[in-house]
Amino acid sequence: MISRKNISRETLIKLKSGDTKAFVEIYDAYHKGIFLFIHKYLRDDMATEDIVHEVFMKIWEIKDRIDPEKSFIAYMYRIARNATYKELKKRLEHASLDIFENERIEPLATESLEETYQAKEYDLLLYHAVKSLPPQRQKVFVLCRQEGKTYEEVANQLCISPYTVKEHMSLAMKSIQDYMGKKAGLSISRTAFICALAIGML
């Protein structure tokens, strides 16, 4: 989650007017938090830093749209979320898979209604793909991907072996890939799909 450090209203007003010192103050206050948030999904230091750079450049570009009376943290979080989402879309060969199912944030005004609809459509498709898994396999998948537990932690929690957890995950990923391929005609290579799951899509 992005840092909860507070930036004063005066600083936001200065940023809005193009004050570079105010921009540097905001960068110093939020860089680490945004980096950790994005890295949670990309798991790649270099790619994460590139996206962080994009986020701050976006903030500078649209600084005149900042409302000092509203939550700046939420504003930055939304920009970071969308930048990360677009990067993941590239990694999935342009297949829109919404990775923030449990952290729903409205899209930026610059996003088209069509893009928003497609994101929600794939989000729902992914949800049903996971729900179609057998109960135990679904439980293993959610614990590993949504809660971020290791195979050993899941094995201990469910009283099964780490090998069984691994088998469940392998079969779950294959089932979800097949489900989405049949329902939406997505052309996602198995390698790209597994990479997407590995970086925390759910």
N, C-alpha and C. Protein backbone atom coordinates (compact mmCIF):
# COMPACT_ATOMS: atom_id res chain seq x y z
N MET A 1 0.84 -1.19 0.00
CA MET A 1 0.00 0.00 0.00
C MET A 1 0.87 1.24 0.00
N ILE A 2 0.43 2.29 -0.66
CA ILE A 2 1.19 3.51 -0.74
C ILE A 2 1.28 4.18 0.63
N SER A 3 2.40 4.82 0.88
CA SER A 3 2.63 5.50 2.15
C SER A 3 1.50 6.46 2.49
N ARG A 4 1.20 6.56 3.79
CA ARG A 4 0.15 7.45 4.25
C ARG A 4 0.71 8.79 4.72
N LYS A 5 1.94 9.12 4.34
CA LYS A 5 2.52 10.40 4.73
C LYS A 5 1.63 11.51 4.20
N ASN A 6 1.45 12.53 5.03
CA ASN A 6 0.57 13.63 4.65
C ASN A 6 1.35 14.75 3.97
N ILE A 7 0.84 15.19 2.85
CA ILE A 7 1.39 16.34 2.15
C ILE A 7 0.42 17.49 2.38
N SER A 8 0.95 18.62 2.78
CA SER A 8 0.08 19.74 3.13
C SER A 8 -0.68 20.28 1.92
N ARG A 9 -1.78 20.92 2.22
CA ARG A 9 -2.60 21.54 1.18
C ARG A 9 -1.78 22.60 0.44
N GLU A 10 -0.95 23.32 1.19
CA GLU A 10 -0.12 24.36 0.59
C GLU A 10 0.85 23.77 -0.45
N THR A 11 1.40 22.59 -0.11
CA THR A 11 2.33 21.93 -1.05
C THR A 11 1.61 21.54 -2.33
N LEU A 12 0.40 21.05 -2.19
CA LEU A 12 -0.38 20.65 -3.37
C LEU A 12 -0.74 21.86 -4.23
N ILE A 13 -1.03 22.97 -3.58
CA ILE A 13 -1.33 24.19 -4.31
C ILE A 13 -0.10 24.64 -5.10
N LYS A 14 1.06 24.54 -4.47
CA LYS A 14 2.31 24.91 -5.14
C LYS A 14 2.58 23.98 -6.33
N LEU A 15 2.35 22.68 -6.12
CA LEU A 15 2.54 21.72 -7.21
C LEU A 15 1.62 22.07 -8.37
N LYS A 16 0.39 22.37 -8.06
CA LYS A 16 -0.61 22.69 -9.07
C LYS A 16 -0.18 23.88 -9.92
N SER A 17 0.57 24.80 -9.30
CA SER A 17 1.02 26.00 -10.01
C SER A 17 2.36 25.78 -10.71
N GLY A 18 2.93 24.55 -10.59
CA GLY A 18 4.17 24.24 -11.29
C GLY A 18 5.43 24.41 -10.49
N ASP A 19 5.32 24.42 -9.17
CA ASP A 19 6.49 24.57 -8.30
C ASP A 19 7.28 23.26 -8.26
N THR A 20 8.52 23.28 -8.76
CA THR A 20 9.33 22.06 -8.81
C THR A 20 9.77 21.59 -7.43
N LYS A 21 9.95 22.51 -6.49
CA LYS A 21 10.34 22.12 -5.14
C LYS A 21 9.22 21.32 -4.48
N ALA A 22 7.99 21.70 -4.75
CA ALA A 22 6.84 20.97 -4.21
C ALA A 22 6.79 19.57 -4.81
N PHE A 23 7.13 19.49 -6.09
CA PHE A 23 7.15 18.19 -6.77
C PHE A 23 8.19 17.27 -6.14
N VAL A 24 9.38 17.82 -5.88
CA VAL A 24 10.45 17.03 -5.26
C VAL A 24 10.04 16.57 -3.87
N GLU A 25 9.36 17.43 -3.12
CA GLU A 25 8.89 17.06 -1.78
C GLU A 25 7.92 15.88 -1.85
N ILE A 26 7.03 15.92 -2.82
CA ILE A 26 6.06 14.84 -2.99
C ILE A 26 6.76 13.56 -3.45
N TYR A 27 7.72 13.71 -4.34
CA TYR A 27 8.49 12.56 -4.81
C TYR A 27 9.19 11.87 -3.65
N ASP A 28 9.85 12.65 -2.81
CA ASP A 28 10.57 12.09 -1.66
C ASP A 28 9.62 11.42 -0.67
N ALA A 29 8.44 11.97 -0.53
CA ALA A 29 7.48 11.44 0.44
C ALA A 29 6.83 10.14 -0.01
N TYR A 30 6.62 9.99 -1.33
CA TYR A 30 5.84 8.85 -1.81
C TYR A 30 6.58 7.83 -2.67
N HIS A 31 7.80 8.14 -3.06
CA HIS A 31 8.52 7.23 -3.97
C HIS A 31 8.59 5.81 -3.43
N LYS A 32 9.03 5.64 -2.20
CA LYS A 32 9.21 4.31 -1.63
C LYS A 32 7.89 3.54 -1.57
N GLY A 33 6.84 4.20 -1.12
CA GLY A 33 5.54 3.53 -1.01
C GLY A 33 4.99 3.08 -2.34
N ILE A 34 5.12 3.93 -3.35
CA ILE A 34 4.63 3.58 -4.68
C ILE A 34 5.47 2.45 -5.27
N PHE A 35 6.77 2.51 -5.04
CA PHE A 35 7.65 1.45 -5.53
C PHE A 35 7.23 0.10 -4.95
N LEU A 36 7.01 0.04 -3.65
CA LEU A 36 6.64 -1.22 -3.00
C LEU A 36 5.28 -1.72 -3.49
N PHE A 37 4.35 -0.79 -3.71
CA PHE A 37 3.02 -1.16 -4.19
C PHE A 37 3.10 -1.80 -5.57
N ILE A 38 3.82 -1.17 -6.49
CA ILE A 38 3.94 -1.68 -7.85
C ILE A 38 4.76 -2.96 -7.89
N HIS A 39 5.82 -3.00 -7.10
CA HIS A 39 6.70 -4.18 -7.07
C HIS A 39 5.95 -5.42 -6.60
N LYS A 40 4.94 -5.23 -5.79
CA LYS A 40 4.12 -6.34 -5.30
C LYS A 40 3.53 -7.13 -6.46
N TYR A 41 3.27 -6.45 -7.58
CA TYR A 41 2.66 -7.10 -8.74
C TYR A 41 3.66 -7.43 -9.84
N LEU A 42 4.67 -6.59 -10.03
CA LEU A 42 5.61 -6.83 -11.12
C LEU A 42 6.78 -7.72 -10.73
N ARG A 43 7.17 -7.67 -9.46
CA ARG A 43 8.30 -8.48 -8.96
C ARG A 43 9.56 -8.30 -9.80
N ASP A 44 9.79 -7.09 -10.24
CA ASP A 44 10.94 -6.80 -11.10
C ASP A 44 11.39 -5.38 -10.78
N ASP A 45 12.59 -5.24 -10.19
CA ASP A 45 13.07 -3.93 -9.73
C ASP A 45 13.14 -2.90 -10.86
N MET A 46 13.74 -3.29 -11.98
CA MET A 46 13.92 -2.35 -13.08
C MET A 46 12.59 -1.93 -13.69
N ALA A 47 11.72 -2.89 -13.93
CA ALA A 47 10.41 -2.58 -14.50
C ALA A 47 9.60 -1.72 -13.54
N THR A 48 9.70 -2.03 -12.25
CA THR A 48 8.97 -1.26 -11.24
C THR A 48 9.44 0.18 -11.23
N GLU A 49 10.74 0.39 -11.26
CA GLU A 49 11.28 1.76 -11.24
C GLU A 49 10.83 2.53 -12.47
N ASP A 50 10.74 1.85 -13.60
CA ASP A 50 10.26 2.50 -14.82
C ASP A 50 8.82 2.97 -14.65
N ILE A 51 7.99 2.12 -14.05
CA ILE A 51 6.59 2.48 -13.86
C ILE A 51 6.47 3.60 -12.83
N VAL A 52 7.29 3.55 -11.78
CA VAL A 52 7.28 4.62 -10.77
C VAL A 52 7.60 5.95 -11.45
N HIS A 53 8.58 5.92 -12.34
CA HIS A 53 8.95 7.13 -13.09
C HIS A 53 7.76 7.63 -13.90
N GLU A 54 7.06 6.72 -14.55
CA GLU A 54 5.89 7.09 -15.34
C GLU A 54 4.81 7.72 -14.47
N VAL A 55 4.64 7.17 -13.27
CA VAL A 55 3.62 7.68 -12.34
C VAL A 55 3.91 9.13 -11.99
N PHE A 56 5.14 9.43 -11.63
CA PHE A 56 5.48 10.80 -11.24
C PHE A 56 5.46 11.75 -12.43
N MET A 57 5.83 11.26 -13.60
CA MET A 57 5.75 12.10 -14.78
C MET A 57 4.29 12.42 -15.11
N LYS A 58 3.43 11.43 -14.89
CA LYS A 58 2.00 11.63 -15.12
C LYS A 58 1.45 12.67 -14.16
N ILE A 59 1.89 12.60 -12.90
CA ILE A 59 1.45 13.56 -11.90
C ILE A 59 1.87 14.97 -12.30
N TRP A 60 3.10 15.10 -12.81
CA TRP A 60 3.57 16.41 -13.23
C TRP A 60 2.79 16.92 -14.44
N GLU A 61 2.52 16.02 -15.37
CA GLU A 61 1.80 16.40 -16.59
C GLU A 61 0.39 16.89 -16.30
N ILE A 62 -0.27 16.27 -15.33
CA ILE A 62 -1.66 16.63 -15.05
C ILE A 62 -1.80 17.37 -13.72
N LYS A 63 -0.74 18.03 -13.31
CA LYS A 63 -0.74 18.73 -12.02
C LYS A 63 -1.85 19.77 -11.91
N ASP A 64 -2.22 20.37 -13.04
CA ASP A 64 -3.26 21.40 -13.01
C ASP A 64 -4.64 20.82 -12.69
N ARG A 65 -4.76 19.49 -12.75
CA ARG A 65 -6.05 18.84 -12.45
C ARG A 65 -6.15 18.42 -10.99
N ILE A 66 -5.08 18.60 -10.23
CA ILE A 66 -5.07 18.20 -8.82
C ILE A 66 -5.98 19.10 -8.01
N ASP A 67 -6.79 18.49 -7.16
CA ASP A 67 -7.68 19.24 -6.26
C ASP A 67 -7.11 19.15 -4.85
N PRO A 68 -6.54 20.24 -4.32
CA PRO A 68 -5.94 20.22 -2.98
C PRO A 68 -6.91 19.85 -1.87
N GLU A 69 -8.20 19.91 -2.17
CA GLU A 69 -9.20 19.61 -1.15
C GLU A 69 -9.53 18.12 -1.09
N LYS A 70 -9.06 17.36 -2.06
CA LYS A 70 -9.36 15.93 -2.10
C LYS A 70 -8.13 15.10 -1.75
N SER A 71 -8.33 13.81 -1.54
CA SER A 71 -7.24 12.91 -1.13
C SER A 71 -6.20 12.75 -2.24
N PHE A 72 -5.00 13.27 -1.98
CA PHE A 72 -3.93 13.14 -2.95
C PHE A 72 -3.40 11.71 -2.99
N ILE A 73 -3.43 11.04 -1.84
CA ILE A 73 -2.97 9.65 -1.78
C ILE A 73 -3.81 8.77 -2.71
N ALA A 74 -5.12 8.94 -2.64
CA ALA A 74 -6.02 8.15 -3.50
C ALA A 74 -5.76 8.46 -4.97
N TYR A 75 -5.47 9.71 -5.26
CA TYR A 75 -5.19 10.14 -6.63
C TYR A 75 -3.93 9.44 -7.16
N MET A 76 -2.87 9.43 -6.34
CA MET A 76 -1.63 8.77 -6.74
C MET A 76 -1.82 7.26 -6.86
N TYR A 77 -2.57 6.71 -5.94
CA TYR A 77 -2.84 5.27 -5.95
C TYR A 77 -3.54 4.86 -7.24
N ARG A 78 -4.47 5.69 -7.66
CA ARG A 78 -5.21 5.40 -8.89
C ARG A 78 -4.29 5.44 -10.11
N ILE A 79 -3.41 6.42 -10.15
CA ILE A 79 -2.46 6.52 -11.26
C ILE A 79 -1.51 5.33 -11.27
N ALA A 80 -1.01 4.96 -10.09
CA ALA A 80 -0.10 3.82 -9.97
C ALA A 80 -0.80 2.53 -10.37
N ARG A 81 -2.05 2.39 -9.95
CA ARG A 81 -2.83 1.19 -10.29
C ARG A 81 -2.98 1.07 -11.80
N ASN A 82 -3.32 2.16 -12.47
CA ASN A 82 -3.55 2.10 -13.90
C ASN A 82 -2.26 1.87 -14.68
N ALA A 83 -1.16 2.46 -14.23
CA ALA A 83 0.12 2.26 -14.90
C ALA A 83 0.56 0.81 -14.78
N THR A 84 0.36 0.22 -13.60
CA THR A 84 0.71 -1.19 -13.38
C THR A 84 -0.19 -2.09 -14.22
N TYR A 85 -1.45 -1.77 -14.26
CA TYR A 85 -2.43 -2.53 -15.04
C TYR A 85 -2.04 -2.58 -16.52
N LYS A 86 -1.62 -1.44 -17.05
CA LYS A 86 -1.23 -1.38 -18.46
C LYS A 86 0.03 -2.21 -18.73
N GLU A 87 0.96 -2.20 -17.78
CA GLU A 87 2.17 -3.00 -17.93
C GLU A 87 1.83 -4.49 -17.95
N LEU A 88 0.91 -4.89 -17.09
CA LEU A 88 0.51 -6.29 -17.03
C LEU A 88 -0.25 -6.71 -18.29
N LYS A 89 -0.99 -5.77 -18.86
CA LYS A 89 -1.68 -6.07 -20.11
C LYS A 89 -0.66 -6.39 -21.21
N LYS A 90 0.46 -5.67 -21.22
CA LYS A 90 1.51 -5.96 -22.20
C LYS A 90 2.06 -7.35 -21.99
N ARG A 91 2.28 -7.70 -20.72
CA ARG A 91 2.85 -9.01 -20.42
C ARG A 91 1.89 -10.14 -20.77
N LEU A 92 0.64 -9.84 -20.83
CA LEU A 92 -0.35 -10.86 -21.16
C LEU A 92 -0.76 -10.78 -22.63
N GLU A 93 0.12 -10.24 -23.43
CA GLU A 93 -0.14 -10.14 -24.88
C GLU A 93 -1.45 -9.42 -25.15
N HIS A 94 -1.62 -8.32 -24.43
CA HIS A 94 -2.76 -7.42 -24.59
C HIS A 94 -4.10 -8.01 -24.12
N ALA A 95 -4.06 -9.08 -23.34
CA ALA A 95 -5.30 -9.61 -22.77
C ALA A 95 -5.57 -8.89 -21.46
N SER A 96 -6.70 -8.19 -21.37
CA SER A 96 -7.00 -7.39 -20.19
C SER A 96 -7.46 -8.27 -19.04
N LEU A 97 -6.60 -8.38 -18.00
CA LEU A 97 -6.96 -9.14 -16.82
C LEU A 97 -6.82 -8.22 -15.62
N ASP A 98 -7.93 -7.93 -14.96
CA ASP A 98 -7.91 -6.98 -13.85
C ASP A 98 -7.32 -7.64 -12.61
N ILE A 99 -6.16 -7.17 -12.16
CA ILE A 99 -5.48 -7.79 -11.04
C ILE A 99 -5.85 -7.18 -9.71
N PHE A 100 -6.70 -6.19 -9.73
CA PHE A 100 -7.04 -5.52 -8.48
C PHE A 100 -8.49 -5.77 -8.08
N GLU A 101 -8.93 -7.02 -8.18
CA GLU A 101 -10.31 -7.36 -7.90
C GLU A 101 -10.74 -6.91 -6.51
N ASN A 102 -9.84 -7.01 -5.55
CA ASN A 102 -10.18 -6.66 -4.18
C ASN A 102 -9.79 -5.24 -3.80
N GLU A 103 -9.29 -4.46 -4.76
CA GLU A 103 -8.91 -3.08 -4.48
C GLU A 103 -9.47 -2.22 -5.61
N ARG A 104 -10.77 -2.33 -5.81
CA ARG A 104 -11.41 -1.67 -6.94
C ARG A 104 -11.30 -0.16 -6.85
N ILE A 105 -10.81 0.45 -7.93
CA ILE A 105 -10.69 1.90 -8.01
C ILE A 105 -11.24 2.32 -9.35
N GLU A 106 -11.99 3.41 -9.38
CA GLU A 106 -12.56 3.87 -10.63
C GLU A 106 -11.45 4.28 -11.59
N PRO A 107 -11.63 4.03 -12.89
CA PRO A 107 -10.60 4.37 -13.87
C PRO A 107 -10.44 5.88 -14.00
N LEU A 108 -9.27 6.31 -14.49
CA LEU A 108 -9.04 7.72 -14.74
C LEU A 108 -9.98 8.21 -15.83
N ALA A 109 -10.22 9.50 -15.81
CA ALA A 109 -11.14 10.09 -16.78
C ALA A 109 -10.65 9.90 -18.20
N THR A 110 -9.33 9.71 -18.37
CA THR A 110 -8.76 9.57 -19.72
C THR A 110 -9.00 8.18 -20.30
N GLU A 111 -9.46 7.22 -19.48
CA GLU A 111 -9.72 5.88 -19.99
C GLU A 111 -11.08 5.86 -20.67
N SER A 112 -11.18 5.18 -21.80
CA SER A 112 -12.42 5.12 -22.54
C SER A 112 -13.41 4.17 -21.87
N LEU A 113 -14.68 4.37 -22.17
CA LEU A 113 -15.71 3.49 -21.63
C LEU A 113 -15.50 2.07 -22.12
N GLU A 114 -15.00 1.94 -23.35
CA GLU A 114 -14.77 0.61 -23.92
C GLU A 114 -13.69 -0.13 -23.13
N GLU A 115 -12.60 0.59 -22.78
CA GLU A 115 -11.52 -0.02 -22.01
C GLU A 115 -12.02 -0.45 -20.64
N THR A 116 -12.83 0.41 -20.03
CA THR A 116 -13.37 0.10 -18.72
C THR A 116 -14.27 -1.13 -18.78
N TYR A 117 -15.11 -1.19 -19.81
CA TYR A 117 -16.01 -2.33 -19.97
C TYR A 117 -15.23 -3.62 -20.18
N GLN A 118 -14.20 -3.56 -21.02
CA GLN A 118 -13.40 -4.76 -21.29
C GLN A 118 -12.70 -5.25 -20.03
N ALA A 119 -12.20 -4.30 -19.23
CA ALA A 119 -11.51 -4.68 -17.99
C ALA A 119 -12.47 -5.40 -17.05
N LYS A 120 -13.69 -4.88 -16.93
CA LYS A 120 -14.66 -5.50 -16.04
C LYS A 120 -15.12 -6.85 -16.60
N GLU A 121 -15.22 -6.93 -17.91
CA GLU A 121 -15.65 -8.17 -18.55
C GLU A 121 -14.63 -9.28 -18.29
N TYR A 122 -13.35 -8.98 -18.46
CA TYR A 122 -12.32 -9.97 -18.20
C TYR A 122 -12.20 -10.27 -16.71
N ASP A 123 -12.43 -9.26 -15.90
CA ASP A 123 -12.41 -9.44 -14.45
C ASP A 123 -13.45 -10.48 -14.04
N LEU A 124 -14.65 -10.35 -14.60
CA LEU A 124 -15.73 -11.28 -14.29
C LEU A 124 -15.41 -12.67 -14.83
N LEU A 125 -14.82 -12.73 -16.01
CA LEU A 125 -14.46 -14.00 -16.61
C LEU A 125 -13.42 -14.73 -15.76
N LEU A 126 -12.44 -13.99 -15.27
CA LEU A 126 -11.41 -14.57 -14.42
C LEU A 126 -12.01 -15.08 -13.12
N TYR A 127 -12.93 -14.30 -12.58
CA TYR A 127 -13.60 -14.69 -11.33
C TYR A 127 -14.31 -16.04 -11.51
N HIS A 128 -15.04 -16.18 -12.61
CA HIS A 128 -15.76 -17.43 -12.86
C HIS A 128 -14.80 -18.58 -13.16
N ALA A 129 -13.66 -18.27 -13.78
CA ALA A 129 -12.67 -19.30 -14.06
C ALA A 129 -12.15 -19.89 -12.76
N VAL A 130 -11.87 -19.04 -11.79
CA VAL A 130 -11.39 -19.51 -10.48
C VAL A 130 -12.49 -20.27 -9.76
N LYS A 131 -13.72 -19.77 -9.84
CA LYS A 131 -14.84 -20.42 -9.17
C LYS A 131 -15.17 -21.79 -9.77
N SER A 132 -14.73 -22.01 -11.00
CA SER A 132 -15.01 -23.30 -11.66
C SER A 132 -14.07 -24.41 -11.18
N LEU A 133 -13.04 -24.04 -10.45
CA LEU A 133 -12.09 -25.04 -9.96
C LEU A 133 -12.72 -25.89 -8.86
N PRO A 134 -12.27 -27.14 -8.69
CA PRO A 134 -12.74 -27.96 -7.58
C PRO A 134 -12.45 -27.23 -6.26
N PRO A 135 -13.28 -27.41 -5.24
CA PRO A 135 -13.15 -26.68 -3.97
C PRO A 135 -11.74 -26.64 -3.38
N GLN A 136 -11.09 -27.80 -3.27
CA GLN A 136 -9.76 -27.83 -2.67
C GLN A 136 -8.74 -27.09 -3.53
N ARG A 137 -8.84 -27.26 -4.83
CA ARG A 137 -7.90 -26.59 -5.75
C ARG A 137 -8.12 -25.08 -5.72
N GLN A 138 -9.37 -24.68 -5.66
CA GLN A 138 -9.70 -23.26 -5.57
C GLN A 138 -9.13 -22.66 -4.29
N LYS A 139 -9.25 -23.41 -3.20
CA LYS A 139 -8.74 -22.94 -1.91
C LYS A 139 -7.23 -22.77 -1.96
N VAL A 140 -6.55 -23.75 -2.55
CA VAL A 140 -5.09 -23.68 -2.67
C VAL A 140 -4.68 -22.48 -3.52
N PHE A 141 -5.38 -22.28 -4.63
CA PHE A 141 -5.07 -21.18 -5.53
C PHE A 141 -5.23 -19.83 -4.85
N VAL A 142 -6.32 -19.66 -4.13
CA VAL A 142 -6.59 -18.39 -3.44
C VAL A 142 -5.56 -18.13 -2.35
N LEU A 143 -5.22 -19.17 -1.59
CA LEU A 143 -4.23 -19.01 -0.52
C LEU A 143 -2.87 -18.62 -1.08
N CYS A 144 -2.50 -19.24 -2.20
CA CYS A 144 -1.19 -18.95 -2.79
C CYS A 144 -1.15 -17.60 -3.49
N ARG A 145 -2.18 -17.30 -4.28
CA ARG A 145 -2.14 -16.10 -5.10
C ARG A 145 -2.74 -14.87 -4.44
N GLN A 146 -3.88 -15.03 -3.79
CA GLN A 146 -4.53 -13.86 -3.21
C GLN A 146 -3.94 -13.50 -1.86
N GLU A 147 -3.58 -14.51 -1.08
CA GLU A 147 -3.04 -14.26 0.25
C GLU A 147 -1.52 -14.31 0.29
N GLY A 148 -0.91 -14.73 -0.82
CA GLY A 148 0.54 -14.71 -0.92
C GLY A 148 1.28 -15.70 -0.06
N LYS A 149 0.63 -16.80 0.31
CA LYS A 149 1.28 -17.81 1.16
C LYS A 149 2.20 -18.70 0.33
N THR A 150 3.22 -19.23 0.97
CA THR A 150 4.14 -20.16 0.30
C THR A 150 3.48 -21.53 0.22
N TYR A 151 4.06 -22.41 -0.62
CA TYR A 151 3.52 -23.76 -0.73
C TYR A 151 3.56 -24.47 0.63
N GLU A 152 4.63 -24.27 1.37
CA GLU A 152 4.75 -24.93 2.68
C GLU A 152 3.70 -24.42 3.65
N GLU A 153 3.45 -23.12 3.65
CA GLU A 153 2.43 -22.54 4.54
C GLU A 153 1.05 -23.09 4.20
N VAL A 154 0.75 -23.18 2.91
CA VAL A 154 -0.55 -23.70 2.49
C VAL A 154 -0.66 -25.18 2.85
N ALA A 155 0.43 -25.91 2.65
CA ALA A 155 0.45 -27.34 2.98
C ALA A 155 0.15 -27.55 4.46
N ASN A 156 0.78 -26.76 5.31
CA ASN A 156 0.55 -26.88 6.76
C ASN A 156 -0.88 -26.51 7.13
N GLN A 157 -1.41 -25.47 6.50
CA GLN A 157 -2.76 -25.01 6.81
C GLN A 157 -3.82 -26.03 6.40
N LEU A 158 -3.61 -26.68 5.26
CA LEU A 158 -4.60 -27.63 4.74
C LEU A 158 -4.27 -29.08 5.04
N CYS A 159 -3.15 -29.28 5.76
CA CYS A 159 -2.74 -30.64 6.14
C CYS A 159 -2.51 -31.54 4.92
N ILE A 160 -1.82 -30.99 3.94
CA ILE A 160 -1.45 -31.75 2.76
C ILE A 160 0.05 -31.50 2.51
N SER A 161 0.63 -32.22 1.57
CA SER A 161 2.06 -32.06 1.32
C SER A 161 2.33 -30.89 0.38
N PRO A 162 3.52 -30.29 0.45
CA PRO A 162 3.89 -29.21 -0.47
C PRO A 162 3.80 -29.67 -1.93
N TYR A 163 4.11 -30.94 -2.16
CA TYR A 163 4.02 -31.48 -3.52
C TYR A 163 2.58 -31.44 -4.01
N THR A 164 1.64 -31.76 -3.12
CA THR A 164 0.22 -31.73 -3.49
C THR A 164 -0.22 -30.30 -3.80
N VAL A 165 0.29 -29.35 -3.02
CA VAL A 165 -0.02 -27.94 -3.27
C VAL A 165 0.49 -27.54 -4.66
N LYS A 166 1.70 -27.96 -4.96
CA LYS A 166 2.30 -27.65 -6.27
C LYS A 166 1.47 -28.23 -7.40
N GLU A 167 1.01 -29.46 -7.22
CA GLU A 167 0.19 -30.10 -8.24
C GLU A 167 -1.14 -29.36 -8.43
N HIS A 168 -1.75 -28.96 -7.30
CA HIS A 168 -3.00 -28.20 -7.37
C HIS A 168 -2.79 -26.90 -8.15
N MET A 169 -1.69 -26.21 -7.88
CA MET A 169 -1.42 -24.94 -8.55
C MET A 169 -1.20 -25.13 -10.05
N SER A 170 -0.48 -26.16 -10.40
CA SER A 170 -0.22 -26.44 -11.81
C SER A 170 -1.51 -26.74 -12.56
N LEU A 171 -2.35 -27.56 -11.95
CA LEU A 171 -3.63 -27.91 -12.58
C LEU A 171 -4.58 -26.71 -12.60
N ALA A 172 -4.53 -25.89 -11.55
CA ALA A 172 -5.40 -24.72 -11.49
C ALA A 172 -5.05 -23.73 -12.60
N MET A 173 -3.77 -23.48 -12.80
CA MET A 173 -3.35 -22.55 -13.84
C MET A 173 -3.73 -23.06 -15.23
N LYS A 174 -3.58 -24.36 -15.43
CA LYS A 174 -3.96 -24.95 -16.72
C LYS A 174 -5.46 -24.82 -16.93
N SER A 175 -6.25 -25.08 -15.89
CA SER A 175 -7.71 -25.01 -15.99
C SER A 175 -8.18 -23.59 -16.28
N ILE A 176 -7.59 -22.61 -15.59
CA ILE A 176 -7.99 -21.22 -15.79
C ILE A 176 -7.62 -20.75 -17.20
N GLN A 177 -6.45 -21.15 -17.65
CA GLN A 177 -6.01 -20.80 -19.00
C GLN A 177 -6.98 -21.37 -20.03
N ASP A 178 -7.33 -22.64 -19.88
CA ASP A 178 -8.25 -23.29 -20.81
C ASP A 178 -9.63 -22.65 -20.76
N TYR A 179 -10.10 -22.35 -19.55
CA TYR A 179 -11.43 -21.75 -19.37
C TYR A 179 -11.51 -20.41 -20.11
N MET A 180 -10.49 -19.57 -19.91
CA MET A 180 -10.52 -18.25 -20.52
C MET A 180 -10.33 -18.33 -22.04
N GLY A 181 -9.56 -19.32 -22.47
CA GLY A 181 -9.38 -19.50 -23.90
C GLY A 181 -10.68 -19.88 -24.59
N LYS A 182 -11.46 -20.74 -23.94
CA LYS A 182 -12.73 -21.20 -24.52
C LYS A 182 -13.81 -20.13 -24.45
N LYS A 183 -13.88 -19.42 -23.31
CA LYS A 183 -14.95 -18.45 -23.10
C LYS A 183 -14.73 -17.13 -23.84
N ALA A 184 -13.46 -16.72 -23.96
CA ALA A 184 -13.21 -15.41 -24.56
C ALA A 184 -12.32 -15.46 -25.79
N GLY A 185 -11.83 -16.66 -26.11
CA GLY A 185 -10.97 -16.78 -27.27
C GLY A 185 -9.65 -16.06 -27.11
N LEU A 186 -9.17 -15.98 -25.85
CA LEU A 186 -7.92 -15.27 -25.59
C LEU A 186 -6.74 -16.06 -26.14
N SER A 187 -5.83 -15.37 -26.79
CA SER A 187 -4.62 -16.00 -27.29
C SER A 187 -3.48 -15.67 -26.34
N ILE A 188 -3.38 -16.46 -25.25
CA ILE A 188 -2.34 -16.23 -24.25
C ILE A 188 -1.45 -17.45 -24.21
N SER A 189 -0.17 -17.25 -24.45
CA SER A 189 0.74 -18.38 -24.39
C SER A 189 0.80 -18.91 -22.97
N ARG A 190 1.09 -20.19 -22.81
CA ARG A 190 1.15 -20.76 -21.46
C ARG A 190 2.23 -20.08 -20.63
N THR A 191 3.35 -19.75 -21.27
CA THR A 191 4.44 -19.09 -20.55
C THR A 191 3.99 -17.73 -20.01
N ALA A 192 3.34 -16.93 -20.87
CA ALA A 192 2.88 -15.61 -20.44
C ALA A 192 1.83 -15.72 -19.35
N PHE A 193 0.96 -16.73 -19.48
CA PHE A 193 -0.11 -16.90 -18.50
C PHE A 193 0.46 -17.26 -17.13
N ILE A 194 1.40 -18.20 -17.10
CA ILE A 194 2.01 -18.61 -15.84
C ILE A 194 2.77 -17.46 -15.21
N CYS A 195 3.43 -16.65 -16.04
CA CYS A 195 4.14 -15.49 -15.51
C CYS A 195 3.17 -14.51 -14.86
N ALA A 196 2.01 -14.33 -15.50
CA ALA A 196 1.02 -13.41 -14.95
C ALA A 196 0.52 -13.89 -13.60
N LEU A 197 0.27 -15.18 -13.48
CA LEU A 197 -0.19 -15.73 -12.22
C LEU A 197 0.90 -15.64 -11.16
N ALA A 198 2.12 -15.83 -11.58
CA ALA A 198 3.24 -15.81 -10.64
C ALA A 198 3.47 -14.43 -10.03
N ILE A 199 3.07 -13.36 -10.74
CA ILE A 199 3.32 -12.03 -10.21
C ILE A 199 2.13 -11.50 -9.43
N GLY A 200 1.16 -12.35 -9.12
CA GLY A 200 0.12 -11.95 -8.20
C GLY A 200 -1.12 -11.37 -8.84
N MET A 201 -1.61 -11.99 -9.89
CA MET A 201 -2.76 -11.46 -10.60
C MET A 201 -4.00 -11.41 -9.72
N LEU A 202 -4.12 -12.32 -8.77
CA LEU A 202 -5.30 -12.34 -7.91
C LEU A 202 -4.94 -11.92 -6.51
